[in-house]
Amino acid sequence: MNGDKIFVDTNVLVYGHDVDSGPKNQIARRVLLDLWQQKKGVLIISAASQAAATKILTEDLQSGLTIEGILLENPFI
């Protein structure tokens, strides 16, 4: 995957969070973790920046952190 940028479809994200999805959950979690460790998990920041967003609501990134002028906020805490 060298310098490739990888777009992940939402169904992979859903399977990664849905513990009742059986083997798809483990596969999705492995794929997402691998992409994150390879620094491929920053595409959401790029997309938000291009859309001129000022905030991303997420429970997966560090709440309160600001990246490229975009505040990350966990709506569940």
Protein backbone atom coordinates (compact mmCIF):
# COMPACT_ATOMS: atom_id res chain seq x y z
CA MET A 1 0.00 0.00 0.00
CA ASN A 2 3.06 2.28 -0.04
CA GLY A 3 1.86 5.88 -0.57
CA ASP A 4 -1.61 4.86 -1.70
CA LYS A 5 -4.57 6.65 -0.20
CA ILE A 6 -7.31 4.24 0.73
CA PHE A 7 -10.98 5.18 0.91
CA VAL A 8 -13.01 2.94 3.20
CA ASP A 9 -16.69 2.49 2.42
CA THR A 10 -19.06 3.05 5.33
CA ASN A 11 -20.10 -0.61 5.48
CA VAL A 12 -16.54 -1.51 6.55
CA LEU A 13 -16.76 1.10 9.29
CA VAL A 14 -20.13 -0.26 10.41
CA TYR A 15 -18.83 -3.84 10.50
CA GLY A 16 -15.84 -2.61 12.49
CA HIS A 17 -18.20 -1.38 15.21
CA ASP A 18 -20.89 -4.06 15.00
CA VAL A 19 -19.74 -6.85 17.31
CA ASP A 20 -22.72 -8.94 16.20
CA SER A 21 -21.48 -9.08 12.58
CA GLY A 22 -19.33 -12.12 13.31
CA PRO A 23 -16.18 -12.61 11.22
CA LYS A 24 -16.82 -9.38 9.31
CA ASN A 25 -16.27 -7.50 12.58
CA GLN A 26 -12.81 -8.99 13.11
CA ILE A 27 -11.80 -8.46 9.47
CA ALA A 28 -13.02 -4.86 9.42
CA ARG A 29 -11.28 -4.08 12.72
CA ARG A 30 -8.01 -5.54 11.41
CA VAL A 31 -8.26 -3.54 8.16
CA LEU A 32 -9.08 -0.30 9.96
CA LEU A 33 -6.31 -0.78 12.53
CA ASP A 34 -3.81 -1.51 9.76
CA LEU A 35 -4.81 1.63 7.85
CA TRP A 36 -4.64 3.72 11.02
CA GLN A 37 -1.18 2.41 11.96
CA GLN A 38 0.09 3.16 8.46
CA LYS A 39 -1.16 6.75 8.85
CA LYS A 40 -3.84 6.17 6.21
CA GLY A 41 -6.59 7.03 8.71
CA VAL A 42 -6.30 10.77 8.24
CA LEU A 43 -8.49 10.99 5.15
CA ILE A 44 -11.45 12.15 7.23
CA ILE A 45 -9.41 15.21 8.23
CA SER A 46 -8.57 15.97 4.59
CA ALA A 47 -12.20 15.61 3.52
CA ALA A 48 -13.39 17.83 6.37
CA SER A 49 -10.76 20.44 5.52
CA GLN A 50 -11.75 20.48 1.85
CA ALA A 51 -15.38 20.94 2.89
CA ALA A 52 -14.35 23.88 5.13
CA ALA A 53 -15.66 22.05 8.23
CA THR A 54 -14.66 23.40 11.63
CA LYS A 55 -15.61 20.35 13.70
CA ILE A 56 -15.71 16.56 13.33
CA LEU A 57 -18.02 14.57 15.61
CA THR A 58 -16.35 11.24 16.31
CA GLU A 59 -15.86 8.78 19.11
CA ASP A 60 -12.79 7.27 17.45
CA LEU A 61 -10.36 10.19 17.59
CA GLN A 62 -9.07 12.16 20.57
CA SER A 63 -11.82 14.53 21.68
CA GLY A 64 -10.66 18.11 22.13
CA LEU A 65 -7.75 17.77 19.71
CA THR A 66 -7.54 20.30 16.86
CA ILE A 67 -5.98 19.20 13.56
CA GLU A 68 -5.59 21.60 10.64
CA GLY A 69 -7.97 24.00 12.41
CA ILE A 70 -10.66 21.33 12.81
CA LEU A 71 -11.85 20.46 16.32
CA LEU A 72 -12.44 16.78 17.10
CA GLU A 73 -15.35 16.30 19.47
CA ASN A 74 -16.83 13.14 20.96
CA PRO A 75 -20.59 13.74 21.27
CA PHE A 76 -20.91 10.81 23.69
CA ILE A 77 -18.80 12.23 26.52
